[in-house]
Amino acid sequence: MVEVRDNPAENRFEVFDGETMAGFARYVRRPGRIIVVHTEIDPAFEGKGMGSQLAAAALDAARAAGEHVVPLCPFINDFIDRHPEYIDLVDTELMTRLAQNR
């Protein structure tokens, strides 16, 4: 059974297949926003949809907490592009400012 858990002590959401951690999405929390900086899935679990389940759960948690999301991680950013139901969570103002400063 796949389960996603928030592990605030490690600043990451973790996805488990049974008791085995299959991957994580590391984040930084700031008031009103969650900045997702890196997502990693163990190669043994790639291609099983676990990354998508992890992304969806992390974004659903942000929505439930009333937080905006800053998807610096390419995987999370691409997931949002493919799932427009999450686009309203993106802190577009901050993303625009970051893009202008590159």
PDB file of N, CA and C in Angstrom:
ATOM      1  N   MET A   1       0.839  -1.185   0.000  1.00  0.00           N
ATOM      2  CA  MET A   1       0.000   0.000   0.000  1.00  0.00           C
ATOM      3  C   MET A   1       0.885   1.250   0.000  1.00  0.00           C
ATOM      4  N   VAL A   2       0.567   2.195  -0.859  1.00  0.00           N
ATOM      5  CA  VAL A   2       1.333   3.437  -0.965  1.00  0.00           C
ATOM      6  C   VAL A   2       0.760   4.465   0.012  1.00  0.00           C
ATOM      7  N   GLU A   3       1.664   5.111   0.731  1.00  0.00           N
ATOM      8  CA  GLU A   3       1.268   6.144   1.688  1.00  0.00           C
ATOM      9  C   GLU A   3       2.262   7.294   1.606  1.00  0.00           C
ATOM     10  N   VAL A   4       1.740   8.521   1.669  1.00  0.00           N
ATOM     11  CA  VAL A   4       2.587   9.712   1.692  1.00  0.00           C
ATOM     12  C   VAL A   4       2.445  10.349   3.069  1.00  0.00           C
ATOM     13  N   ARG A   5       3.584  10.683   3.664  1.00  0.00           N
ATOM     14  CA  ARG A   5       3.596  11.303   4.991  1.00  0.00           C
ATOM     15  C   ARG A   5       4.430  12.576   4.953  1.00  0.00           C
ATOM     16  N   ASP A   6       3.966  13.577   5.678  1.00  0.00           N
ATOM     17  CA  ASP A   6       4.764  14.788   5.866  1.00  0.00           C
ATOM     18  C   ASP A   6       5.703  14.513   7.038  1.00  0.00           C
ATOM     19  N   ASN A   7       6.975  14.764   6.849  1.00  0.00           N
ATOM     20  CA  ASN A   7       7.967  14.593   7.900  1.00  0.00           C
ATOM     21  C   ASN A   7       8.612  15.956   8.143  1.00  0.00           C
ATOM     22  N   PRO A   8       7.956  16.811   8.956  1.00  0.00           N
ATOM     23  CA  PRO A   8       8.479  18.162   9.167  1.00  0.00           C
ATOM     24  C   PRO A   8       9.866  18.195   9.811  1.00  0.00           C
ATOM     25  N   ALA A   9      10.220  17.184  10.575  1.00  0.00           N
ATOM     26  CA  ALA A   9      11.553  17.152  11.191  1.00  0.00           C
ATOM     27  C   ALA A   9      12.652  17.072  10.133  1.00  0.00           C
ATOM     28  N   GLU A  10      12.332  16.462   8.982  1.00  0.00           N
ATOM     29  CA  GLU A  10      13.287  16.333   7.879  1.00  0.00           C
ATOM     30  C   GLU A  10      12.978  17.302   6.731  1.00  0.00           C
ATOM     31  N   ASN A  11      11.921  18.118   6.898  1.00  0.00           N
ATOM     32  CA  ASN A  11      11.497  19.072   5.861  1.00  0.00           C
ATOM     33  C   ASN A  11      11.230  18.374   4.535  1.00  0.00           C
ATOM     34  N   ARG A  12      10.410  17.323   4.599  1.00  0.00           N
ATOM     35  CA  ARG A  12      10.098  16.624   3.364  1.00  0.00           C
ATOM     36  C   ARG A  12       8.821  15.792   3.506  1.00  0.00           C
ATOM     37  N   PHE A  13       8.194  15.607   2.359  1.00  0.00           N
ATOM     38  CA  PHE A  13       7.124  14.631   2.233  1.00  0.00           C
ATOM     39  C   PHE A  13       7.788  13.343   1.785  1.00  0.00           C
ATOM     40  N   GLU A  14       7.344  12.219   2.358  1.00  0.00           N
ATOM     41  CA  GLU A  14       7.938  10.937   2.031  1.00  0.00           C
ATOM     42  C   GLU A  14       6.855   9.995   1.517  1.00  0.00           C
ATOM     43  N   VAL A  15       7.187   9.230   0.497  1.00  0.00           N
ATOM     44  CA  VAL A  15       6.252   8.249  -0.049  1.00  0.00           C
ATOM     45  C   VAL A  15       6.775   6.858   0.302  1.00  0.00           C
ATOM     46  N   PHE A  16       5.867   6.033   0.802  1.00  0.00           N
ATOM     47  CA  PHE A  16       6.210   4.689   1.248  1.00  0.00           C
ATOM     48  C   PHE A  16       5.432   3.654   0.468  1.00  0.00           C
ATOM     49  N   ASP A  17       6.099   2.565   0.171  1.00  0.00           N
ATOM     50  CA  ASP A  17       5.464   1.365  -0.361  1.00  0.00           C
ATOM     51  C   ASP A  17       5.530   0.363   0.791  1.00  0.00           C
ATOM     52  N   GLY A  18       4.435   0.210   1.497  1.00  0.00           N
ATOM     53  CA  GLY A  18       4.466  -0.566   2.731  1.00  0.00           C
ATOM     54  C   GLY A  18       5.315   0.180   3.741  1.00  0.00           C
ATOM     55  N   GLU A  19       6.340  -0.461   4.254  1.00  0.00           N
ATOM     56  CA  GLU A  19       7.237   0.180   5.222  1.00  0.00           C
ATOM     57  C   GLU A  19       8.516   0.713   4.578  1.00  0.00           C
ATOM     58  N   THR A  20       8.640   0.583   3.266  1.00  0.00           N
ATOM     59  CA  THR A  20       9.848   1.005   2.567  1.00  0.00           C
ATOM     60  C   THR A  20       9.660   2.394   1.984  1.00  0.00           C
ATOM     61  N   MET A  21      10.559   3.321   2.364  1.00  0.00           N
ATOM     62  CA  MET A  21      10.480   4.659   1.798  1.00  0.00           C
ATOM     63  C   MET A  21      10.958   4.598   0.352  1.00  0.00           C
ATOM     64  N   ALA A  22      10.099   5.023  -0.563  1.00  0.00           N
ATOM     65  CA  ALA A  22      10.396   4.960  -1.994  1.00  0.00           C
ATOM     66  C   ALA A  22      10.905   6.283  -2.539  1.00  0.00           C
ATOM     67  N   GLY A  23      10.708   7.364  -1.804  1.00  0.00           N
ATOM     68  CA  GLY A  23      11.160   8.665  -2.274  1.00  0.00           C
ATOM     69  C   GLY A  23      10.701   9.780  -1.367  1.00  0.00           C
ATOM     70  N   PHE A  24      11.065  10.992  -1.763  1.00  0.00           N
ATOM     71  CA  PHE A  24      10.710  12.157  -0.949  1.00  0.00           C
ATOM     72  C   PHE A  24      10.697  13.421  -1.798  1.00  0.00           C
ATOM     73  N   ALA A  25      10.040  14.438  -1.263  1.00  0.00           N
ATOM     74  CA  ALA A  25      10.047  15.784  -1.841  1.00  0.00           C
ATOM     75  C   ALA A  25      10.479  16.729  -0.726  1.00  0.00           C
ATOM     76  N   ARG A  26      11.673  17.277  -0.868  1.00  0.00           N
ATOM     77  CA  ARG A  26      12.219  18.186   0.154  1.00  0.00           C
ATOM     78  C   ARG A  26      11.629  19.579  -0.041  1.00  0.00           C
ATOM     79  N   TYR A  27      11.344  20.239   1.070  1.00  0.00           N
ATOM     80  CA  TYR A  27      10.743  21.564   1.017  1.00  0.00           C
ATOM     81  C   TYR A  27      11.318  22.492   2.078  1.00  0.00           C
ATOM     82  N   VAL A  28      11.043  23.774   1.881  1.00  0.00           N
ATOM     83  CA  VAL A  28      11.328  24.809   2.867  1.00  0.00           C
ATOM     84  C   VAL A  28      10.004  25.521   3.101  1.00  0.00           C
ATOM     85  N   ARG A  29       9.627  25.672   4.338  1.00  0.00           N
ATOM     86  CA  ARG A  29       8.380  26.387   4.652  1.00  0.00           C
ATOM     87  C   ARG A  29       8.694  27.818   5.040  1.00  0.00           C
ATOM     88  N   ARG A  30       7.911  28.709   4.517  1.00  0.00           N
ATOM     89  CA  ARG A  30       7.925  30.123   4.877  1.00  0.00           C
ATOM     90  C   ARG A  30       6.479  30.506   5.158  1.00  0.00           C
ATOM     91  N   PRO A  31       6.248  31.595   5.868  1.00  0.00           N
ATOM     92  CA  PRO A  31       4.858  31.958   6.167  1.00  0.00           C
ATOM     93  C   PRO A  31       4.002  32.021   4.894  1.00  0.00           C
ATOM     94  N   GLY A  32       2.970  31.194   4.869  1.00  0.00           N
ATOM     95  CA  GLY A  32       2.025  31.205   3.754  1.00  0.00           C
ATOM     96  C   GLY A  32       2.474  30.479   2.502  1.00  0.00           C
ATOM     97  N   ARG A  33       3.655  29.868   2.516  1.00  0.00           N
ATOM     98  CA  ARG A  33       4.117  29.173   1.307  1.00  0.00           C
ATOM     99  C   ARG A  33       5.010  27.994   1.653  1.00  0.00           C
ATOM    100  N   ILE A  34       5.033  27.078   0.714  1.00  0.00           N
ATOM    101  CA  ILE A  34       5.933  25.939   0.794  1.00  0.00           C
ATOM    102  C   ILE A  34       6.757  25.936  -0.492  1.00  0.00           C
ATOM    103  N   ILE A  35       8.060  25.926  -0.334  1.00  0.00           N
ATOM    104  CA  ILE A  35       8.981  25.972  -1.459  1.00  0.00           C
ATOM    105  C   ILE A  35       9.511  24.550  -1.643  1.00  0.00           C
ATOM    106  N   VAL A  36       9.134  23.907  -2.744  1.00  0.00           N
ATOM    107  CA  VAL A  36       9.572  22.535  -3.004  1.00  0.00           C
ATOM    108  C   VAL A  36      10.856  22.609  -3.828  1.00  0.00           C
ATOM    109  N   VAL A  37      11.935  22.094  -3.237  1.00  0.00           N
ATOM    110  CA  VAL A  37      13.250  22.271  -3.853  1.00  0.00           C
ATOM    111  C   VAL A  37      13.806  21.025  -4.542  1.00  0.00           C
ATOM    112  N   HIS A  38      13.337  19.834  -4.154  1.00  0.00           N
ATOM    113  CA  HIS A  38      13.926  18.626  -4.742  1.00  0.00           C
ATOM    114  C   HIS A  38      12.998  17.444  -4.517  1.00  0.00           C
ATOM    115  N   THR A  39      12.838  16.629  -5.543  1.00  0.00           N
ATOM    116  CA  THR A  39      12.078  15.386  -5.426  1.00  0.00           C
ATOM    117  C   THR A  39      12.957  14.249  -5.924  1.00  0.00           C
ATOM    118  N   GLU A  40      12.896  13.152  -5.201  1.00  0.00           N
ATOM    119  CA  GLU A  40      13.723  12.002  -5.560  1.00  0.00           C
ATOM    120  C   GLU A  40      12.932  10.720  -5.319  1.00  0.00           C
ATOM    121  N   ILE A  41      12.930   9.840  -6.313  1.00  0.00           N
ATOM    122  CA  ILE A  41      12.314   8.525  -6.191  1.00  0.00           C
ATOM    123  C   ILE A  41      13.413   7.485  -6.373  1.00  0.00           C
ATOM    124  N   ASP A  42      13.464   6.509  -5.462  1.00  0.00           N
ATOM    125  CA  ASP A  42      14.431   5.420  -5.560  1.00  0.00           C
ATOM    126  C   ASP A  42      14.248   4.728  -6.908  1.00  0.00           C
ATOM    127  N   PRO A  43      15.329   4.476  -7.636  1.00  0.00           N
ATOM    128  CA  PRO A  43      15.214   3.832  -8.950  1.00  0.00           C
ATOM    129  C   PRO A  43      14.395   2.537  -8.941  1.00  0.00           C
ATOM    130  N   ALA A  44      14.403   1.822  -7.840  1.00  0.00           N
ATOM    131  CA  ALA A  44      13.633   0.573  -7.756  1.00  0.00           C
ATOM    132  C   ALA A  44      12.127   0.815  -7.841  1.00  0.00           C
ATOM    133  N   PHE A  45      11.693   2.061  -7.608  1.00  0.00           N
ATOM    134  CA  PHE A  45      10.269   2.376  -7.597  1.00  0.00           C
ATOM    135  C   PHE A  45       9.854   3.272  -8.765  1.00  0.00           C
ATOM    136  N   GLU A  46      10.800   3.630  -9.628  1.00  0.00           N
ATOM    137  CA  GLU A  46      10.481   4.488 -10.767  1.00  0.00           C
ATOM    138  C   GLU A  46       9.509   3.785 -11.709  1.00  0.00           C
ATOM    139  N   GLY A  47       8.663   4.576 -12.343  1.00  0.00           N
ATOM    140  CA  GLY A  47       7.714   4.046 -13.310  1.00  0.00           C
ATOM    141  C   GLY A  47       6.477   3.422 -12.700  1.00  0.00           C
ATOM    142  N   LYS A  48       6.301   3.579 -11.404  1.00  0.00           N
ATOM    143  CA  LYS A  48       5.145   2.995 -10.717  1.00  0.00           C
ATOM    144  C   LYS A  48       4.143   4.052 -10.262  1.00  0.00           C
ATOM    145  N   GLY A  49       4.355   5.297 -10.672  1.00  0.00           N
ATOM    146  CA  GLY A  49       3.431   6.374 -10.322  1.00  0.00           C
ATOM    147  C   GLY A  49       3.608   6.926  -8.920  1.00  0.00           C
ATOM    148  N   MET A  50       4.655   6.508  -8.248  1.00  0.00           N
ATOM    149  CA  MET A  50       4.843   6.954  -6.870  1.00  0.00           C
ATOM    150  C   MET A  50       5.224   8.432  -6.793  1.00  0.00           C
ATOM    151  N   GLY A  51       5.980   8.907  -7.773  1.00  0.00           N
ATOM    152  CA  GLY A  51       6.319  10.322  -7.804  1.00  0.00           C
ATOM    153  C   GLY A  51       5.076  11.179  -7.966  1.00  0.00           C
ATOM    154  N   SER A  52       4.160  10.736  -8.807  1.00  0.00           N
ATOM    155  CA  SER A  52       2.910  11.482  -9.005  1.00  0.00           C
ATOM    156  C   SER A  52       2.056  11.462  -7.748  1.00  0.00           C
ATOM    157  N   GLN A  53       2.019  10.326  -7.072  1.00  0.00           N
ATOM    158  CA  GLN A  53       1.255  10.257  -5.820  1.00  0.00           C
ATOM    159  C   GLN A  53       1.878  11.156  -4.760  1.00  0.00           C
ATOM    160  N   LEU A  54       3.194  11.200  -4.730  1.00  0.00           N
ATOM    161  CA  LEU A  54       3.911  12.072  -3.802  1.00  0.00           C
ATOM    162  C   LEU A  54       3.604  13.533  -4.100  1.00  0.00           C
ATOM    163  N   ALA A  55       3.697  13.918  -5.374  1.00  0.00           N
ATOM    164  CA  ALA A  55       3.435  15.306  -5.765  1.00  0.00           C
ATOM    165  C   ALA A  55       2.005  15.705  -5.426  1.00  0.00           C
ATOM    166  N   ALA A  56       1.046  14.865  -5.777  1.00  0.00           N
ATOM    167  CA  ALA A  56      -0.358  15.178  -5.514  1.00  0.00           C
ATOM    168  C   ALA A  56      -0.616  15.332  -4.024  1.00  0.00           C
ATOM    169  N   ALA A  57      -0.059  14.444  -3.215  1.00  0.00           N
ATOM    170  CA  ALA A  57      -0.279  14.522  -1.773  1.00  0.00           C
ATOM    171  C   ALA A  57       0.352  15.783  -1.181  1.00  0.00           C
ATOM    172  N   ALA A  58       1.551  16.134  -1.643  1.00  0.00           N
ATOM    173  CA  ALA A  58       2.213  17.343  -1.153  1.00  0.00           C
ATOM    174  C   ALA A  58       1.402  18.585  -1.527  1.00  0.00           C
ATOM    175  N   LEU A  59       0.910  18.626  -2.757  1.00  0.00           N
ATOM    176  CA  LEU A  59       0.114  19.770  -3.198  1.00  0.00           C
ATOM    177  C   LEU A  59      -1.231  19.819  -2.482  1.00  0.00           C
ATOM    178  N   ASP A  60      -1.833  18.667  -2.257  1.00  0.00           N
ATOM    179  CA  ASP A  60      -3.089  18.626  -1.502  1.00  0.00           C
ATOM    180  C   ASP A  60      -2.882  19.112  -0.071  1.00  0.00           C
ATOM    181  N   ALA A  61      -1.744  18.766   0.521  1.00  0.00           N
ATOM    182  CA  ALA A  61      -1.433  19.227   1.880  1.00  0.00           C
ATOM    183  C   ALA A  61      -1.252  20.748   1.910  1.00  0.00           C
ATOM    184  N   ALA A  62      -0.590  21.280   0.886  1.00  0.00           N
ATOM    185  CA  ALA A  62      -0.421  22.734   0.803  1.00  0.00           C
ATOM    186  C   ALA A  62      -1.782  23.414   0.691  1.00  0.00           C
ATOM    187  N   ARG A  63      -2.660  22.861  -0.142  1.00  0.00           N
ATOM    188  CA  ARG A  63      -4.003  23.426  -0.291  1.00  0.00           C
ATOM    189  C   ARG A  63      -4.748  23.393   1.040  1.00  0.00           C
ATOM    190  N   ALA A  64      -4.690  22.267   1.729  1.00  0.00           N
ATOM    191  CA  ALA A  64      -5.394  22.115   3.004  1.00  0.00           C
ATOM    192  C   ALA A  64      -4.881  23.103   4.052  1.00  0.00           C
ATOM    193  N   ALA A  65      -3.575  23.421   3.988  1.00  0.00           N
ATOM    194  CA  ALA A  65      -2.974  24.360   4.933  1.00  0.00           C
ATOM    195  C   ALA A  65      -3.136  25.815   4.497  1.00  0.00           C
ATOM    196  N   GLY A  66      -3.700  26.033   3.306  1.00  0.00           N
ATOM    197  CA  GLY A  66      -3.863  27.392   2.799  1.00  0.00           C
ATOM    198  C   GLY A  66      -2.552  28.018   2.354  1.00  0.00           C
ATOM    199  N   GLU A  67      -1.595  27.186   1.954  1.00  0.00           N
ATOM    200  CA  GLU A  67      -0.279  27.675   1.545  1.00  0.00           C
ATOM    201  C   GLU A  67      -0.178  27.765   0.025  1.00  0.00           C
ATOM    202  N   HIS A  68       0.592  28.747  -0.436  1.00  0.00           N
ATOM    203  CA  HIS A  68       0.971  28.804  -1.834  1.00  0.00           C
ATOM    204  C   HIS A  68       2.191  27.911  -2.026  1.00  0.00           C
ATOM    205  N   VAL A  69       2.437  27.508  -3.261  1.00  0.00           N
ATOM    206  CA  VAL A  69       3.549  26.620  -3.576  1.00  0.00           C
ATOM    207  C   VAL A  69       4.523  27.334  -4.508  1.00  0.00           C
ATOM    208  N   VAL A  70       5.803  27.174  -4.226  1.00  0.00           N
ATOM    209  CA  VAL A  70       6.863  27.661  -5.097  1.00  0.00           C
ATOM    210  C   VAL A  70       7.582  26.406  -5.603  1.00  0.00           C
ATOM    211  N   PRO A  71       7.232  25.950  -6.816  1.00  0.00           N
ATOM    212  CA  PRO A  71       7.782  24.689  -7.331  1.00  0.00           C
ATOM    213  C   PRO A  71       9.146  24.872  -8.006  1.00  0.00           C
ATOM    214  N   LEU A  72      10.194  24.982  -7.201  1.00  0.00           N
ATOM    215  CA  LEU A  72      11.537  25.100  -7.754  1.00  0.00           C
ATOM    216  C   LEU A  72      12.034  23.763  -8.295  1.00  0.00           C
ATOM    217  N   CYS A  73      11.490  22.694  -7.795  1.00  0.00           N
ATOM    218  CA  CYS A  73      11.841  21.354  -8.257  1.00  0.00           C
ATOM    219  C   CYS A  73      11.214  21.109  -9.629  1.00  0.00           C
ATOM    220  N   PRO A  74      11.999  20.745 -10.626  1.00  0.00           N
ATOM    221  CA  PRO A  74      11.458  20.520 -11.969  1.00  0.00           C
ATOM    222  C   PRO A  74      10.356  19.453 -12.011  1.00  0.00           C
ATOM    223  N   PHE A  75      10.476  18.405 -11.198  1.00  0.00           N
ATOM    224  CA  PHE A  75       9.447  17.359 -11.218  1.00  0.00           C
ATOM    225  C   PHE A  75       8.106  17.917 -10.763  1.00  0.00           C
ATOM    226  N   ILE A  76       8.100  18.665  -9.660  1.00  0.00           N
ATOM    227  CA  ILE A  76       6.848  19.233  -9.146  1.00  0.00           C
ATOM    228  C   ILE A  76       6.307  20.266 -10.126  1.00  0.00           C
ATOM    229  N   ASN A  77       7.188  21.077 -10.697  1.00  0.00           N
ATOM    230  CA  ASN A  77       6.760  22.071 -11.677  1.00  0.00           C
ATOM    231  C   ASN A  77       6.100  21.398 -12.882  1.00  0.00           C
ATOM    232  N   ASP A  78       6.715  20.340 -13.396  1.00  0.00           N
ATOM    233  CA  ASP A  78       6.142  19.601 -14.532  1.00  0.00           C
ATOM    234  C   ASP A  78       4.828  18.929 -14.150  1.00  0.00           C
ATOM    235  N   PHE A  79       4.742  18.413 -12.926  1.00  0.00           N
ATOM    236  CA  PHE A  79       3.503  17.781 -12.464  1.00  0.00           C
ATOM    237  C   PHE A  79       2.369  18.803 -12.483  1.00  0.00           C
ATOM    238  N   ILE A  80       2.637  20.005 -12.001  1.00  0.00           N
ATOM    239  CA  ILE A  80       1.609  21.059 -11.999  1.00  0.00           C
ATOM    240  C   ILE A  80       1.218  21.413 -13.428  1.00  0.00           C
ATOM    241  N   ASP A  81       2.176  21.480 -14.327  1.00  0.00           N
ATOM    242  CA  ASP A  81       1.867  21.757 -15.738  1.00  0.00           C
ATOM    243  C   ASP A  81       0.927  20.703 -16.316  1.00  0.00           C
ATOM    244  N   ARG A  82       1.097  19.449 -15.916  1.00  0.00           N
ATOM    245  CA  ARG A  82       0.259  18.359 -16.419  1.00  0.00           C
ATOM    246  C   ARG A  82      -1.071  18.228 -15.673  1.00  0.00           C
ATOM    247  N   HIS A  83      -1.176  18.884 -14.517  1.00  0.00           N
ATOM    248  CA  HIS A  83      -2.389  18.801 -13.686  1.00  0.00           C
ATOM    249  C   HIS A  83      -2.830  20.221 -13.318  1.00  0.00           C
ATOM    250  N   PRO A  84      -3.516  20.891 -14.237  1.00  0.00           N
ATOM    251  CA  PRO A  84      -3.859  22.297 -14.034  1.00  0.00           C
ATOM    252  C   PRO A  84      -4.760  22.568 -12.827  1.00  0.00           C
ATOM    253  N   GLU A  85      -5.314  21.529 -12.235  1.00  0.00           N
ATOM    254  CA  GLU A  85      -6.129  21.748 -11.032  1.00  0.00           C
ATOM    255  C   GLU A  85      -5.292  22.260  -9.861  1.00  0.00           C
ATOM    256  N   TYR A  86      -3.957  22.208  -9.996  1.00  0.00           N
ATOM    257  CA  TYR A  86      -3.072  22.698  -8.942  1.00  0.00           C
ATOM    258  C   TYR A  86      -2.461  24.068  -9.256  1.00  0.00           C
ATOM    259  N   ILE A  87      -2.712  24.601 -10.428  1.00  0.00           N
ATOM    260  CA  ILE A  87      -2.057  25.855 -10.842  1.00  0.00           C
ATOM    261  C   ILE A  87      -2.395  27.019  -9.903  1.00  0.00           C
ATOM    262  N   ASP A  88      -3.574  26.983  -9.310  1.00  0.00           N
ATOM    263  CA  ASP A  88      -3.963  28.077  -8.412  1.00  0.00           C
ATOM    264  C   ASP A  88      -3.115  28.121  -7.141  1.00  0.00           C
ATOM    265  N   LEU A  89      -2.404  27.059  -6.843  1.00  0.00           N
ATOM    266  CA  LEU A  89      -1.545  27.035  -5.659  1.00  0.00           C
ATOM    267  C   LEU A  89      -0.215  27.750  -5.876  1.00  0.00           C
ATOM    268  N   VAL A  90       0.192  27.887  -7.124  1.00  0.00           N
ATOM    269  CA  VAL A  90       1.519  28.429  -7.437  1.00  0.00           C
ATOM    270  C   VAL A  90       1.583  29.917  -7.092  1.00  0.00           C
ATOM    271  N   ASP A  91       2.631  30.279  -6.378  1.00  0.00           N
ATOM    272  CA  ASP A  91       2.904  31.683  -6.053  1.00  0.00           C
ATOM    273  C   ASP A  91       3.529  32.313  -7.299  1.00  0.00           C
ATOM    274  N   THR A  92       2.666  32.712  -8.237  1.00  0.00           N
ATOM    275  CA  THR A  92       3.144  33.207  -9.532  1.00  0.00           C
ATOM    276  C   THR A  92       3.942  34.499  -9.400  1.00  0.00           C
ATOM    277  N   GLU A  93       3.588  35.338  -8.434  1.00  0.00           N
ATOM    278  CA  GLU A  93       4.336  36.586  -8.247  1.00  0.00           C
ATOM    279  C   GLU A  93       5.785  36.287  -7.876  1.00  0.00           C
ATOM    280  N   LEU A  94       5.994  35.392  -6.927  1.00  0.00           N
ATOM    281  CA  LEU A  94       7.354  35.052  -6.525  1.00  0.00           C
ATOM    282  C   LEU A  94       8.083  34.320  -7.651  1.00  0.00           C
ATOM    283  N   MET A  95       7.398  33.435  -8.346  1.00  0.00           N
ATOM    284  CA  MET A  95       8.033  32.716  -9.460  1.00  0.00           C
ATOM    285  C   MET A  95       8.485  33.692 -10.544  1.00  0.00           C
ATOM    286  N   THR A  96       7.684  34.699 -10.826  1.00  0.00           N
ATOM    287  CA  THR A  96       8.041  35.721 -11.815  1.00  0.00           C
ATOM    288  C   THR A  96       9.263  36.507 -11.372  1.00  0.00           C
ATOM    289  N   ARG A  97       9.273  36.897 -10.109  1.00  0.00           N
ATOM    290  CA  ARG A  97      10.430  37.641  -9.583  1.00  0.00           C
ATOM    291  C   ARG A  97      11.697  36.798  -9.645  1.00  0.00           C
ATOM    292  N   LEU A  98      11.592  35.526  -9.307  1.00  0.00           N
ATOM    293  CA  LEU A  98      12.764  34.644  -9.367  1.00  0.00           C
ATOM    294  C   LEU A  98      13.270  34.493 -10.797  1.00  0.00           C
ATOM    295  N   ALA A  99      12.359  34.361 -11.752  1.00  0.00           N
ATOM    296  CA  ALA A  99      12.740  34.216 -13.152  1.00  0.00           C
ATOM    297  C   ALA A  99      13.429  35.487 -13.661  1.00  0.00           C
ATOM    298  N   GLN A 100      12.982  36.640 -13.203  1.00  0.00           N
ATOM    299  CA  GLN A 100      13.569  37.905 -13.653  1.00  0.00           C
ATOM    300  C   GLN A 100      14.970  38.102 -13.085  1.00  0.00           C
ATOM    301  N   ASN A 101      15.263  37.493 -11.943  1.00  0.00           N
ATOM    302  CA  ASN A 101      16.561  37.648 -11.301  1.00  0.00           C
ATOM    303  C   ASN A 101      17.596  36.638 -11.787  1.00  0.00           C
ATOM    304  N   ARG A 102      17.229  35.778 -12.713  1.00  0.00           N
ATOM    305  CA  ARG A 102      18.189  34.781 -13.206  1.00  0.00           C
ATOM    306  C   ARG A 102      19.109  35.350 -14.222  1.00  0.00           C
TER     307      ARG A 102
END
